[in-house]
Amino acid sequence: MKTNTKLNLGCGQDYLEDYINCDSSKYIKTDMVFDLEDELGLPFRDNYAEEILIYHTLEHIRRFIPLMKELNRICKKGAIIKIKTPFYSAWGQYNDPTHVRFFTPFTFDYFKKGTYSHEVGCNKDMFKKKKVRIVFAVGNLRFMNMFFNPLLNISHRFYCRFFAWILPASEIYYELEVLK
């Protein structure tokens, strides 16, 4: 097994050389096969990971809150978790029958004590949002990002309240710093 402490969870076809690539499918190239929703938790010791990539995976997770607690457990203090998901108003978000949840710039506020933390059973700050970036287009339309991304990211509250359904973005990117 690789000695680095960088994980690529839900890697799918995106196998990365400098990461431990993990997925639930045994039919793709991975370093480890396991289910992120296993009630026994993730197969890593406490304070193991320095960085986690989890791209286009969390929208499929039913046991989201337990998984976030597990990510906090296996990460070292100061570890960075990089996340990409479809944006909540993206048309593709609703086309995929395997999507079970939606993400906004404010989704991870629930893991900060004093906000909505009581609703997810947190008695401490678990993560600090280092970066939240709404991405207008992916794929062939990516060239439009140079025009729209700056506008969408001026004020997430304003965009989400008034324009998210008029000019829907495709994706949202987060960087969370693990707090202990």
Protein backbone atom coordinates (compact mmCIF):
# COMPACT_ATOMS: atom_id res chain seq x y z
CA MET A 1 0.00 0.00 0.00
CA LYS A 2 1.11 3.54 -0.68
CA THR A 3 2.69 5.40 2.22
CA ASN A 4 1.27 8.83 1.45
CA THR A 5 -1.71 10.08 3.36
CA LYS A 6 -3.69 11.57 0.49
CA LEU A 7 -7.00 9.89 -0.32
CA ASN A 8 -9.10 10.02 -3.47
CA LEU A 9 -12.49 8.84 -2.21
CA GLY A 10 -15.07 7.75 -4.76
CA CYS A 11 -12.35 7.90 -7.40
CA GLY A 12 -14.33 6.28 -10.21
CA GLN A 13 -12.25 6.35 -13.39
CA ASP A 14 -10.03 9.16 -12.02
CA TYR A 15 -7.09 7.13 -10.69
CA LEU A 16 -4.40 9.47 -9.34
CA GLU A 17 -0.81 8.28 -8.80
CA ASP A 18 -0.05 10.29 -5.63
CA TYR A 19 -3.24 9.23 -3.83
CA ILE A 20 -4.77 6.14 -2.29
CA ASN A 21 -7.66 5.69 -4.71
CA CYS A 22 -10.82 4.27 -3.16
CA ASP A 23 -14.18 3.33 -4.61
CA SER A 24 -17.06 0.96 -3.94
CA SER A 25 -16.72 -0.68 -7.36
CA LYS A 26 -14.43 -3.65 -7.85
CA TYR A 27 -14.64 -3.19 -11.63
CA ILE A 28 -12.38 -0.14 -11.85
CA LYS A 29 -8.75 0.46 -10.98
CA THR A 30 -8.48 1.30 -7.28
CA ASP A 31 -6.11 0.77 -4.38
CA MET A 32 -8.94 -0.03 -1.96
CA VAL A 33 -12.56 -1.09 -2.39
CA PHE A 34 -15.08 -0.16 0.31
CA ASP A 35 -18.43 1.57 0.77
CA LEU A 36 -18.31 5.15 2.11
CA GLU A 37 -21.65 4.51 3.81
CA ASP A 38 -20.54 1.44 5.76
CA GLU A 39 -21.95 1.72 9.28
CA LEU A 40 -18.63 0.45 10.65
CA GLY A 41 -16.92 3.61 9.40
CA LEU A 42 -13.97 4.21 7.10
CA PRO A 43 -11.04 1.75 7.13
CA PHE A 44 -8.44 4.29 8.26
CA ARG A 45 -7.05 5.09 11.69
CA ASP A 46 -7.68 8.37 13.49
CA ASN A 47 -5.66 11.38 12.25
CA TYR A 48 -4.44 9.52 9.17
CA ALA A 49 -5.09 11.72 6.12
CA GLU A 50 -3.46 15.02 5.20
CA GLU A 51 -5.63 15.59 2.13
CA ILE A 52 -8.82 14.12 0.74
CA LEU A 53 -10.34 14.53 -2.70
CA ILE A 54 -14.00 13.62 -2.95
CA TYR A 55 -15.26 14.68 -6.37
CA HIS A 56 -18.83 14.06 -7.53
CA THR A 57 -19.47 11.52 -4.81
CA LEU A 58 -21.21 13.23 -1.88
CA GLU A 59 -24.40 13.82 -3.87
CA HIS A 60 -24.84 10.02 -3.89
CA ILE A 61 -24.39 9.57 -0.13
CA ARG A 62 -27.47 8.88 2.01
CA ARG A 63 -25.54 8.72 5.30
CA PHE A 64 -23.93 12.12 4.75
CA ILE A 65 -23.65 13.30 8.37
CA PRO A 66 -21.99 10.09 9.62
CA LEU A 67 -19.58 10.24 6.66
CA MET A 68 -18.61 13.84 7.45
CA LYS A 69 -17.91 12.82 11.05
CA GLU A 70 -15.77 9.95 9.77
CA LEU A 71 -13.84 12.30 7.47
CA ASN A 72 -13.14 14.53 10.47
CA ARG A 73 -12.00 11.51 12.49
CA ILE A 74 -9.55 10.14 9.90
CA CYS A 75 -8.04 13.53 9.02
CA LYS A 76 -5.16 15.18 10.79
CA LYS A 77 -5.72 18.64 12.22
CA GLY A 78 -5.35 21.12 9.38
CA ALA A 79 -5.95 18.51 6.66
CA ILE A 80 -7.69 19.79 3.54
CA ILE A 81 -10.76 18.13 2.07
CA LYS A 82 -11.42 19.14 -1.55
CA ILE A 83 -14.98 18.55 -2.69
CA LYS A 84 -16.80 18.95 -6.01
CA THR A 85 -20.53 18.34 -6.36
CA PRO A 86 -23.23 19.47 -8.73
CA PHE A 87 -24.65 22.84 -7.74
CA TYR A 88 -28.15 22.56 -6.30
CA SER A 89 -29.88 24.27 -9.23
CA ALA A 90 -27.90 22.47 -11.96
CA TRP A 91 -30.14 20.76 -14.49
CA GLY A 92 -27.98 17.63 -14.35
CA GLN A 93 -28.50 17.42 -10.59
CA TYR A 94 -32.08 16.30 -11.18
CA ASN A 95 -31.45 14.03 -14.17
CA ASP A 96 -29.40 11.49 -12.24
CA PRO A 97 -31.62 9.10 -10.25
CA THR A 98 -28.69 8.20 -8.00
CA HIS A 99 -28.40 11.75 -6.61
CA VAL A 100 -29.90 11.94 -3.13
CA ARG A 101 -28.82 15.38 -1.89
CA PHE A 102 -28.12 18.92 -3.04
CA PHE A 103 -25.30 21.35 -2.23
CA THR A 104 -25.20 25.10 -1.75
CA PRO A 105 -22.40 27.41 -0.58
CA PHE A 106 -23.90 27.05 2.91
CA THR A 107 -24.20 23.25 3.22
CA PHE A 108 -21.10 22.85 5.38
CA ASP A 109 -22.19 25.60 7.81
CA TYR A 110 -24.05 22.83 9.64
CA PHE A 111 -20.73 21.50 10.90
CA LYS A 112 -19.78 24.73 12.68
CA LYS A 113 -20.75 25.06 16.32
CA GLY A 114 -23.30 27.77 16.99
CA THR A 115 -24.90 27.67 13.56
CA TYR A 116 -27.00 24.58 12.87
CA SER A 117 -24.57 22.18 14.53
CA HIS A 118 -27.20 20.87 16.95
CA GLU A 119 -29.08 19.49 13.95
CA VAL A 120 -26.17 17.27 12.93
CA GLY A 121 -24.98 16.41 16.42
CA CYS A 122 -21.80 18.52 16.44
CA ASN A 123 -20.59 19.96 19.73
CA LYS A 124 -17.50 21.55 18.18
CA ASP A 125 -16.38 23.12 14.91
CA MET A 126 -15.46 20.28 12.57
CA PHE A 127 -14.42 22.17 9.44
CA LYS A 128 -13.44 25.66 8.36
CA LYS A 129 -14.54 26.64 4.86
CA LYS A 130 -11.31 27.81 3.22
CA LYS A 131 -12.79 28.17 -0.26
CA VAL A 132 -16.21 27.94 -1.87
CA ARG A 133 -16.41 28.54 -5.60
CA ILE A 134 -19.48 28.23 -7.78
CA VAL A 135 -18.62 27.05 -11.30
CA PHE A 136 -20.97 28.06 -14.09
CA ALA A 137 -20.08 25.48 -16.73
CA VAL A 138 -18.25 22.19 -17.11
CA GLY A 139 -17.25 20.28 -20.23
CA ASN A 140 -17.44 21.99 -23.62
CA LEU A 141 -18.99 25.16 -22.21
CA ARG A 142 -16.13 25.78 -19.77
CA PHE A 143 -15.00 28.81 -21.80
CA MET A 144 -18.05 30.67 -20.39
CA ASN A 145 -16.59 30.51 -16.87
CA MET A 146 -14.34 33.49 -17.50
CA PHE A 147 -17.49 35.61 -17.87
CA PHE A 148 -19.91 34.05 -15.40
CA ASN A 149 -17.80 32.69 -12.51
CA PRO A 150 -16.75 36.13 -11.23
CA LEU A 151 -20.39 37.27 -11.19
CA LEU A 152 -21.71 34.14 -9.48
CA ASN A 153 -19.09 34.38 -6.76
CA ILE A 154 -19.44 38.07 -5.81
CA SER A 155 -22.09 37.22 -3.21
CA HIS A 156 -23.20 33.63 -2.78
CA ARG A 157 -26.24 34.70 -0.75
CA PHE A 158 -27.43 37.13 -3.40
CA TYR A 159 -26.84 34.73 -6.28
CA CYS A 160 -28.56 31.82 -4.51
CA ARG A 161 -31.53 33.94 -3.43
CA PHE A 162 -32.23 35.70 -6.71
CA PHE A 163 -30.45 34.12 -9.68
CA ALA A 164 -29.60 30.46 -9.04
CA TRP A 165 -32.74 29.26 -10.86
CA ILE A 166 -32.52 31.89 -13.63
CA LEU A 167 -28.84 31.37 -14.45
CA PRO A 168 -28.07 27.94 -12.93
CA ALA A 169 -24.47 26.97 -12.32
CA SER A 170 -23.16 23.46 -12.94
CA GLU A 171 -20.87 22.71 -10.05
CA ILE A 172 -19.65 23.88 -6.67
CA TYR A 173 -16.12 23.43 -5.30
CA TYR A 174 -15.17 23.51 -1.63
CA GLU A 175 -11.96 23.34 0.33
CA LEU A 176 -12.55 22.48 3.96
CA GLU A 177 -9.85 22.63 6.61
CA VAL A 178 -10.25 19.99 9.31
CA LEU A 179 -10.51 21.36 12.83
CA LYS A 180 -9.80 19.27 15.93
